[in-house]
Amino acid sequence: MLSEKKLSQRYERLFKQLQELLKKTEETVSHMATVIAILHHKMPRFLWTGFYVLKNDLLIVGPYQGPLACQVLGEKKGVCWASVLEQKTIIVPDVHKFPGHIACDSRSNSEIVVPLINSKGSAWAILDIDSRDFNSFSQVDKEWLEKIVKLI
């Protein structure tokens, strides 16, 4: 695992790369797909990297990379829904201990979920990242992923 300093430096490089790439279009789905591709392939500890978009009281899978995803999260439980409802980033060191956790892939052991907040202050989507490792995510991940989703 990278030191906090090296991890922060990696995120900084990815952030700068994404700033340039996302200037090429204003299409939200293109931005989401690009962010996912960069994060998933540049962060080896990420098992599943993707977005869920809030539509009609359901979280519908958006652009993602990794194993097959749950297509719809509709029961307002689990980490993704907690992030939407609380409108904050949630780091889960051990998903097996999170009440109501929805297991789309049994290999996932830790997770970070970052809400995308619109101009009215409401979550409209979430960035969801799973790792095979327990306790895989830190404050460095939280800070940089929150900056990255603001690019969308």
Protein backbone atom coordinates (compact mmCIF):
# COMPACT_ATOMS: atom_id res chain seq x y z
CA MET A 1 0.00 0.00 0.00
CA LEU A 2 1.21 3.51 -0.81
CA SER A 3 2.21 5.95 1.92
CA GLU A 4 -0.24 8.83 2.49
CA LYS A 5 2.23 11.20 0.78
CA LYS A 6 2.68 9.00 -2.31
CA LEU A 7 -1.07 8.37 -2.49
CA SER A 8 -1.75 12.11 -2.38
CA GLN A 9 0.85 12.71 -5.10
CA ARG A 10 -0.77 10.05 -7.30
CA TYR A 11 -4.20 11.62 -6.84
CA GLU A 12 -2.79 15.04 -7.64
CA ARG A 13 -1.41 13.73 -10.96
CA LEU A 14 -4.74 12.04 -11.76
CA PHE A 15 -6.66 15.19 -10.86
CA LYS A 16 -4.54 17.30 -13.24
CA GLN A 17 -4.95 14.71 -15.99
CA LEU A 18 -8.72 14.67 -15.51
CA GLN A 19 -8.92 18.47 -15.53
CA GLU A 20 -7.45 18.45 -19.04
CA LEU A 21 -9.40 15.45 -20.34
CA LEU A 22 -12.77 16.76 -19.16
CA LYS A 23 -12.37 20.01 -21.10
CA LYS A 24 -13.00 18.12 -24.35
CA THR A 25 -16.76 17.82 -23.85
CA GLU A 26 -19.50 19.00 -21.53
CA GLU A 27 -21.35 15.67 -21.58
CA THR A 28 -21.85 14.40 -18.04
CA VAL A 29 -21.84 10.70 -18.99
CA SER A 30 -18.56 11.19 -20.87
CA HIS A 31 -17.07 12.87 -17.80
CA MET A 32 -18.24 10.04 -15.57
CA ALA A 33 -16.87 7.36 -17.91
CA THR A 34 -13.51 9.13 -18.17
CA VAL A 35 -13.18 9.54 -14.39
CA ILE A 36 -13.98 5.86 -13.89
CA ALA A 37 -11.50 4.68 -16.53
CA ILE A 38 -8.68 6.76 -15.05
CA LEU A 39 -9.36 5.82 -11.43
CA HIS A 40 -9.95 2.13 -12.07
CA HIS A 41 -6.80 1.63 -14.13
CA LYS A 42 -4.48 3.88 -12.13
CA MET A 43 -5.45 2.66 -8.66
CA PRO A 44 -4.68 -1.09 -8.52
CA ARG A 45 -6.46 -1.62 -5.18
CA PHE A 46 -9.83 -0.65 -6.71
CA LEU A 47 -11.90 -3.79 -7.41
CA TRP A 48 -15.02 -1.98 -8.64
CA THR A 49 -15.20 1.68 -9.60
CA GLY A 50 -18.41 3.28 -10.76
CA PHE A 51 -21.29 5.68 -10.51
CA TYR A 52 -24.89 5.22 -9.48
CA VAL A 53 -27.35 7.91 -10.57
CA LEU A 54 -30.48 8.79 -8.59
CA LYS A 55 -33.62 8.42 -10.74
CA ASN A 56 -37.19 8.08 -9.44
CA ASP A 57 -36.08 7.08 -5.93
CA LEU A 58 -33.74 4.40 -7.29
CA LEU A 59 -29.98 4.32 -7.66
CA ILE A 60 -29.33 3.15 -11.23
CA VAL A 61 -25.87 1.96 -12.24
CA GLY A 62 -23.99 4.36 -14.49
CA PRO A 63 -20.53 4.11 -16.03
CA TYR A 64 -18.37 1.59 -14.18
CA GLN A 65 -15.42 -0.76 -14.50
CA GLY A 66 -14.84 -4.02 -12.70
CA PRO A 67 -17.04 -7.05 -12.06
CA LEU A 68 -20.73 -7.07 -12.93
CA ALA A 69 -22.67 -4.51 -10.90
CA CYS A 70 -26.02 -4.44 -9.20
CA GLN A 71 -28.08 -2.57 -11.80
CA VAL A 72 -30.61 -1.05 -9.39
CA LEU A 73 -30.32 -0.19 -5.69
CA GLY A 74 -33.85 0.58 -4.64
CA GLU A 75 -34.33 -0.35 -1.01
CA LYS A 76 -32.68 2.73 0.55
CA LYS A 77 -30.21 0.61 2.47
CA GLY A 78 -26.50 -0.04 2.22
CA VAL A 79 -23.51 2.28 1.88
CA CYS A 80 -24.59 3.94 -1.38
CA TRP A 81 -27.99 4.94 -0.03
CA ALA A 82 -26.45 6.09 3.27
CA SER A 83 -24.22 8.46 1.29
CA VAL A 84 -27.20 9.84 -0.66
CA LEU A 85 -29.40 10.23 2.41
CA GLU A 86 -26.67 11.74 4.60
CA GLN A 87 -25.19 13.69 1.65
CA LYS A 88 -21.66 12.95 2.74
CA THR A 89 -18.74 10.69 1.90
CA ILE A 90 -18.75 7.39 3.74
CA ILE A 91 -15.68 5.21 4.28
CA VAL A 92 -16.38 1.64 5.33
CA PRO A 93 -13.30 -0.30 6.53
CA ASP A 94 -15.21 -3.62 6.61
CA VAL A 95 -18.39 -3.81 4.53
CA HIS A 96 -19.43 -7.02 6.28
CA LYS A 97 -20.04 -4.99 9.44
CA PHE A 98 -22.09 -2.24 7.74
CA PRO A 99 -25.83 -2.57 8.53
CA GLY A 100 -27.81 -3.39 5.39
CA HIS A 101 -24.74 -3.70 3.17
CA ILE A 102 -25.67 -4.76 -0.37
CA ALA A 103 -23.12 -7.27 -1.65
CA CYS A 104 -22.92 -7.01 -5.44
CA ASP A 105 -19.58 -8.88 -5.35
CA SER A 106 -18.50 -11.10 -2.46
CA ARG A 107 -14.84 -10.16 -3.02
CA SER A 108 -15.48 -6.61 -1.82
CA ASN A 109 -14.24 -6.00 1.72
CA SER A 110 -14.06 -2.21 2.05
CA GLU A 111 -15.73 0.69 0.29
CA ILE A 112 -15.83 4.44 -0.14
CA VAL A 113 -18.88 6.27 -1.47
CA VAL A 114 -18.78 9.95 -2.48
CA PRO A 115 -21.98 11.86 -3.28
CA LEU A 116 -22.21 14.23 -6.24
CA ILE A 117 -24.09 17.31 -5.05
CA ASN A 118 -26.03 19.58 -7.42
CA SER A 119 -26.38 23.36 -7.24
CA LYS A 120 -29.45 22.97 -4.98
CA GLY A 121 -27.38 21.04 -2.43
CA SER A 122 -28.88 17.61 -3.16
CA ALA A 123 -27.12 14.39 -4.11
CA TRP A 124 -27.92 13.34 -7.70
CA ALA A 125 -25.37 10.52 -8.02
CA ILE A 126 -22.64 8.75 -6.10
CA LEU A 127 -19.14 7.51 -6.86
CA ASP A 128 -18.78 4.03 -5.40
CA ILE A 129 -15.41 2.29 -5.09
CA ASP A 130 -14.86 -1.18 -3.65
CA SER A 131 -11.62 -2.89 -2.67
CA ARG A 132 -10.69 -6.51 -1.96
CA ASP A 133 -8.62 -5.28 0.98
CA PHE A 134 -10.04 -4.41 4.37
CA ASN A 135 -9.50 -0.82 5.55
CA SER A 136 -8.40 0.23 2.07
CA PHE A 137 -9.58 3.86 2.12
CA SER A 138 -8.30 6.87 4.06
CA GLN A 139 -8.87 10.59 4.47
CA VAL A 140 -6.52 11.11 1.50
CA ASP A 141 -8.88 9.09 -0.71
CA LYS A 142 -11.84 11.04 0.65
CA GLU A 143 -10.29 14.46 0.05
CA TRP A 144 -9.12 13.71 -3.50
CA LEU A 145 -12.21 11.80 -4.62
CA GLU A 146 -14.39 14.69 -3.40
CA LYS A 147 -12.28 17.06 -5.52
CA ILE A 148 -12.45 14.74 -8.51
CA VAL A 149 -16.26 14.40 -8.49
CA LYS A 150 -16.56 18.19 -8.47
CA LEU A 151 -14.96 18.13 -11.93
CA ILE A 152 -18.11 16.42 -13.24
